[in-house]
C-alpha atoms as a PDB file:
ATOM      1  CA  UNK A   1     -87.117 150.789  19.696  1.00  0.00           C
ATOM      2  CA  UNK A   2     -86.730 148.943  16.459  1.00  0.00           C
ATOM      3  CA  UNK A   3     -86.945 152.121  13.635  1.00  0.00           C
ATOM      4  CA  UNK A   4     -88.458 151.264  10.429  1.00  0.00           C
ATOM      5  CA  UNK A   5     -84.710 151.287   8.747  1.00  0.00           C
ATOM      6  CA  UNK A   6     -83.495 148.460  10.969  1.00  0.00           C
ATOM      7  CA  UNK A   7     -86.415 146.217  10.389  1.00  0.00           C
ATOM      8  CA  UNK A   8     -85.806 146.804   6.679  1.00  0.00           C
ATOM      9  CA  UNK A   9     -81.712 146.267   6.805  1.00  0.00           C
ATOM     10  CA  UNK A  10     -82.381 143.082   9.096  1.00  0.00           C
ATOM     11  CA  UNK A  11     -85.069 142.099   6.181  1.00  0.00           C
ATOM     12  CA  UNK A  12     -82.566 142.529   3.492  1.00  0.00           C
ATOM     13  CA  UNK A  13     -79.746 140.605   5.465  1.00  0.00           C
ATOM     14  CA  UNK A  14     -82.278 137.684   6.228  1.00  0.00           C
ATOM     15  CA  UNK A  15     -83.173 137.410   2.765  1.00  0.00           C
ATOM     16  CA  UNK A  16     -79.403 137.849   1.601  1.00  0.00           C
ATOM     17  CA  UNK A  17     -78.085 135.194   4.214  1.00  0.00           C
ATOM     18  CA  UNK A  18     -81.001 132.731   3.262  1.00  0.00           C
ATOM     19  CA  UNK A  19     -80.479 133.149  -0.537  1.00  0.00           C
ATOM     20  CA  UNK A  20     -76.858 132.355   0.055  1.00  0.00           C
ATOM     21  CA  UNK A  21     -77.657 129.286   2.285  1.00  0.00           C
ATOM     22  CA  UNK A  22     -80.199 128.025  -0.738  1.00  0.00           C
ATOM     23  CA  UNK A  23     -77.626 128.810  -3.177  1.00  0.00           C
ATOM     24  CA  UNK A  24     -80.153 131.440  -4.936  1.00  0.00           C
ATOM     25  CA  UNK A  25     -76.999 133.644  -5.913  1.00  0.00           C
ATOM     26  CA  UNK A  26     -75.579 132.377  -9.434  1.00  0.00           C
ATOM     27  CA  UNK A  27     -72.202 133.450  -8.780  1.00  0.00           C
ATOM     28  CA  UNK A  28     -72.297 131.528  -5.903  1.00  0.00           C
ATOM     29  CA  UNK A  29     -73.769 128.281  -7.660  1.00  0.00           C
ATOM     30  CA  UNK A  30     -71.504 128.410 -10.222  1.00  0.00           C
ATOM     31  CA  UNK A  31     -68.298 128.424  -8.687  1.00  0.00           C
ATOM     32  CA  UNK A  32     -68.336 124.367  -8.237  1.00  0.00           C
ATOM     33  CA  UNK A  33     -68.700 123.761 -11.846  1.00  0.00           C
ATOM     34  CA  UNK A  34     -65.485 125.661 -12.890  1.00  0.00           C
ATOM     35  CA  UNK A  35     -63.148 124.081 -10.570  1.00  0.00           C
ATOM     36  CA  UNK A  36     -61.472 122.490 -13.647  1.00  0.00           C
ATOM     37  CA  UNK A  37     -61.275 126.048 -15.034  1.00  0.00           C
ATOM     38  CA  UNK A  38     -60.560 128.852 -13.160  1.00  0.00           C
ATOM     39  CA  UNK A  39     -60.531 131.615 -15.907  1.00  0.00           C
ATOM     40  CA  UNK A  40     -63.846 130.527 -17.313  1.00  0.00           C
ATOM     41  CA  UNK A  41     -65.096 131.218 -13.524  1.00  0.00           C
ATOM     42  CA  UNK A  42     -63.683 134.502 -13.415  1.00  0.00           C
ATOM     43  CA  UNK A  43     -65.133 135.467 -16.915  1.00  0.00           C
ATOM     44  CA  UNK A  44     -68.239 133.973 -16.164  1.00  0.00           C
ATOM     45  CA  UNK A  45     -68.841 135.916 -12.558  1.00  0.00           C
ATOM     46  CA  UNK A  46     -67.822 138.833 -14.123  1.00  0.00           C
ATOM     47  CA  UNK A  47     -70.670 138.695 -16.272  1.00  0.00           C
ATOM     48  CA  UNK A  48     -73.312 137.228 -14.044  1.00  0.00           C
ATOM     49  CA  UNK A  49     -72.148 138.423 -10.590  1.00  0.00           C
ATOM     50  CA  UNK A  50     -74.892 138.827  -7.913  1.00  0.00           C
ATOM     51  CA  UNK A  51     -77.572 137.687 -10.470  1.00  0.00           C
ATOM     52  CA  UNK A  52     -80.690 135.894  -8.920  1.00  0.00           C
ATOM     53  CA  UNK A  53     -81.337 132.597 -10.073  1.00  0.00           C
ATOM     54  CA  UNK A  54     -85.220 131.703 -11.185  1.00  0.00           C
ATOM     55  CA  UNK A  55     -86.322 128.616  -9.667  1.00  0.00           C
ATOM     56  CA  UNK A  56     -86.177 126.929 -13.202  1.00  0.00           C
ATOM     57  CA  UNK A  57     -82.460 128.130 -13.391  1.00  0.00           C
ATOM     58  CA  UNK A  58     -81.771 126.894  -9.975  1.00  0.00           C
ATOM     59  CA  UNK A  59     -83.165 123.270 -10.818  1.00  0.00           C
ATOM     60  CA  UNK A  60     -80.964 123.113 -13.850  1.00  0.00           C
ATOM     61  CA  UNK A  61     -77.964 124.070 -12.174  1.00  0.00           C
ATOM     62  CA  UNK A  62     -78.829 121.690  -9.273  1.00  0.00           C
ATOM     63  CA  UNK A  63     -79.003 118.649 -12.144  1.00  0.00           C
ATOM     64  CA  UNK A  64     -75.703 120.035 -13.446  1.00  0.00           C
ATOM     65  CA  UNK A  65     -73.839 120.058 -10.193  1.00  0.00           C
ATOM     66  CA  UNK A  66     -75.085 116.726  -9.432  1.00  0.00           C
ATOM     67  CA  UNK A  67     -73.733 115.340 -12.690  1.00  0.00           C
ATOM     68  CA  UNK A  68     -70.751 117.268 -12.263  1.00  0.00           C
ATOM     69  CA  UNK A  69     -70.065 116.043  -8.823  1.00  0.00           C
ATOM     70  CA  UNK A  70     -70.721 112.438  -9.435  1.00  0.00           C
ATOM     71  CA  UNK A  71     -68.760 112.426 -12.363  1.00  0.00           C
ATOM     72  CA  UNK A  72     -65.570 113.532 -10.480  1.00  0.00           C
ATOM     73  CA  UNK A  73     -66.335 111.855  -7.310  1.00  0.00           C
ATOM     74  CA  UNK A  74     -67.050 108.444  -8.747  1.00  0.00           C
ATOM     75  CA  UNK A  75     -64.488 108.162 -11.380  1.00  0.00           C
ATOM     76  CA  UNK A  76     -62.705 105.885  -9.947  1.00  0.00           C
ATOM     77  CA  UNK A  77     -65.395 104.240  -7.908  1.00  0.00           C
ATOM     78  CA  UNK A  78     -64.614 100.233  -6.747  1.00  0.00           C
ATOM     79  CA  UNK A  79     -68.624  99.287  -5.914  1.00  0.00           C
ATOM     80  CA  UNK A  80     -71.118  99.189  -8.379  1.00  0.00           C
ATOM     81  CA  UNK A  81     -73.512 101.917  -7.056  1.00  0.00           C
ATOM     82  CA  UNK A  82     -70.704 104.520  -7.857  1.00  0.00           C
ATOM     83  CA  UNK A  83     -69.727 102.969 -11.275  1.00  0.00           C
ATOM     84  CA  UNK A  84     -73.558 103.179 -12.136  1.00  0.00           C
ATOM     85  CA  UNK A  85     -73.421 107.185 -11.242  1.00  0.00           C
ATOM     86  CA  UNK A  86     -70.248 107.833 -12.884  1.00  0.00           C
ATOM     87  CA  UNK A  87     -71.447 106.049 -16.363  1.00  0.00           C
ATOM     88  CA  UNK A  88     -74.673 107.809 -15.867  1.00  0.00           C
ATOM     89  CA  UNK A  89     -73.283 111.434 -15.151  1.00  0.00           C
ATOM     90  CA  UNK A  90     -71.003 110.643 -17.942  1.00  0.00           C
ATOM     91  CA  UNK A  91     -73.659 109.306 -20.306  1.00  0.00           C
ATOM     92  CA  UNK A  92     -75.487 112.589 -19.758  1.00  0.00           C
ATOM     93  CA  UNK A  93     -72.489 114.924 -20.086  1.00  0.00           C
ATOM     94  CA  UNK A  94     -71.352 113.531 -23.304  1.00  0.00           C
ATOM     95  CA  UNK A  95     -74.700 113.702 -24.789  1.00  0.00           C
ATOM     96  CA  UNK A  96     -75.236 116.131 -27.575  1.00  0.00           C
ATOM     97  CA  UNK A  97     -79.452 115.746 -27.666  1.00  0.00           C
ATOM     98  CA  UNK A  98     -81.422 118.657 -26.567  1.00  0.00           C
ATOM     99  CA  UNK A  99     -84.789 116.934 -26.872  1.00  0.00           C
ATOM    100  CA  UNK A 100     -85.139 116.719 -23.193  1.00  0.00           C
ATOM    101  CA  UNK A 101     -85.493 120.222 -21.240  1.00  0.00           C
ATOM    102  CA  UNK A 102     -82.646 118.762 -18.905  1.00  0.00           C
ATOM    103  CA  UNK A 103     -80.436 117.514 -21.506  1.00  0.00           C
ATOM    104  CA  UNK A 104     -76.633 118.615 -20.541  1.00  0.00           C
ATOM    105  CA  UNK A 105     -76.768 121.332 -23.631  1.00  0.00           C
ATOM    106  CA  UNK A 106     -79.893 123.119 -22.821  1.00  0.00           C
ATOM    107  CA  UNK A 107     -79.262 123.236 -18.987  1.00  0.00           C
ATOM    108  CA  UNK A 108     -75.939 124.724 -20.265  1.00  0.00           C
ATOM    109  CA  UNK A 109     -77.375 127.035 -22.566  1.00  0.00           C
ATOM    110  CA  UNK A 110     -80.063 128.614 -20.380  1.00  0.00           C
ATOM    111  CA  UNK A 111     -77.442 129.240 -17.741  1.00  0.00           C
ATOM    112  CA  UNK A 112     -75.062 130.647 -19.896  1.00  0.00           C
ATOM    113  CA  UNK A 113     -72.653 127.957 -20.203  1.00  0.00           C
ATOM    114  CA  UNK A 114     -70.796 126.848 -23.544  1.00  0.00           C
ATOM    115  CA  UNK A 115     -71.554 123.010 -23.314  1.00  0.00           C
ATOM    116  CA  UNK A 116     -68.682 121.933 -25.168  1.00  0.00           C
ATOM    117  CA  UNK A 117     -66.259 123.960 -23.043  1.00  0.00           C
ATOM    118  CA  UNK A 118     -67.731 122.444 -19.783  1.00  0.00           C
ATOM    119  CA  UNK A 119     -67.359 119.232 -21.519  1.00  0.00           C
ATOM    120  CA  UNK A 120     -63.872 119.580 -22.642  1.00  0.00           C
ATOM    121  CA  UNK A 121     -62.476 121.025 -19.510  1.00  0.00           C
ATOM    122  CA  UNK A 122     -64.063 117.690 -17.511  1.00  0.00           C
ATOM    123  CA  UNK A 123     -62.615 115.605 -20.086  1.00  0.00           C
ATOM    124  CA  UNK A 124     -59.216 117.011 -19.282  1.00  0.00           C
ATOM    125  CA  UNK A 125     -59.496 116.818 -15.923  1.00  0.00           C
ATOM    126  CA  UNK A 126     -60.456 113.048 -15.877  1.00  0.00           C
ATOM    127  CA  UNK A 127     -57.355 112.799 -18.204  1.00  0.00           C
ATOM    128  CA  UNK A 128     -55.151 114.406 -15.762  1.00  0.00           C
ATOM    129  CA  UNK A 129     -56.531 112.302 -13.187  1.00  0.00           C
ATOM    130  CA  UNK A 130     -55.793 108.898 -14.992  1.00  0.00           C
ATOM    131  CA  UNK A 131     -52.383 110.224 -15.586  1.00  0.00           C
ATOM    132  CA  UNK A 132     -51.346 111.233 -12.265  1.00  0.00           C
ATOM    133  CA  UNK A 133     -49.160 108.699 -10.569  1.00  0.00           C
ATOM    134  CA  UNK A 134     -50.810 107.348  -7.308  1.00  0.00           C
ATOM    135  CA  UNK A 135     -49.793 105.668  -4.292  1.00  0.00           C
ATOM    136  CA  UNK A 136     -51.335 101.829  -3.978  1.00  0.00           C
ATOM    137  CA  UNK A 137     -53.448 103.266  -1.188  1.00  0.00           C
ATOM    138  CA  UNK A 138     -55.062 105.480  -3.281  1.00  0.00           C
ATOM    139  CA  UNK A 139     -56.555 102.958  -5.609  1.00  0.00           C
ATOM    140  CA  UNK A 140     -59.532 101.198  -5.347  1.00  0.00           C
ATOM    141  CA  UNK A 141     -58.999  97.473  -4.171  1.00  0.00           C
ATOM    142  CA  UNK A 142     -59.202  95.000  -6.967  1.00  0.00           C
ATOM    143  CA  UNK A 143     -60.171  91.320  -6.740  1.00  0.00           C
ATOM    144  CA  UNK A 144     -58.615  89.674  -9.262  1.00  0.00           C
ATOM    145  CA  UNK A 145     -59.182  86.403  -8.444  1.00  0.00           C
ATOM    146  CA  UNK A 146     -62.758  86.499  -8.850  1.00  0.00           C
ATOM    147  CA  UNK A 147     -63.449  84.861  -5.555  1.00  0.00           C
ATOM    148  CA  UNK A 148     -65.870  86.807  -2.539  1.00  0.00           C
ATOM    149  CA  UNK A 149     -64.108  87.571   0.505  1.00  0.00           C
ATOM    150  CA  UNK A 150     -66.055  87.128   4.219  1.00  0.00           C
ATOM    151  CA  UNK A 151     -64.679  89.548   6.552  1.00  0.00           C
ATOM    152  CA  UNK A 152     -63.805  87.448   9.532  1.00  0.00           C
ATOM    153  CA  UNK A 153     -66.249  87.494  12.526  1.00  0.00           C
END
């Protein structure tokens, strides 16, 4: 027979697991944003360890994560869609405006992040990526002739 204590334990465990799956824990969600700066990540975790996000904060961090992911993933994209996603993310990150509730600056400030610090870290990461020697296979293909090629059938 299940006791009240067992039911409470199961409920707590289930809510904790679903919170982590949904990304409701602030320290779980913010880790990805600090991939460029481990010290900032550690300091941030100490300040906000195990803090639950409000729905508004969840949305803001999702917007921020999406932009940072697009900035990093599509920086050297060879197709138009990827280049557009990078350009949109870069423009949003570099914009200092605060008129829109989901601006980069507002999202950072609501989440307790220093926008200029995060922006500088991303720009330094981009600079390191461009200054790295790359193997020819790691670079996107470039068509210098302007001709369109069709795959052989």
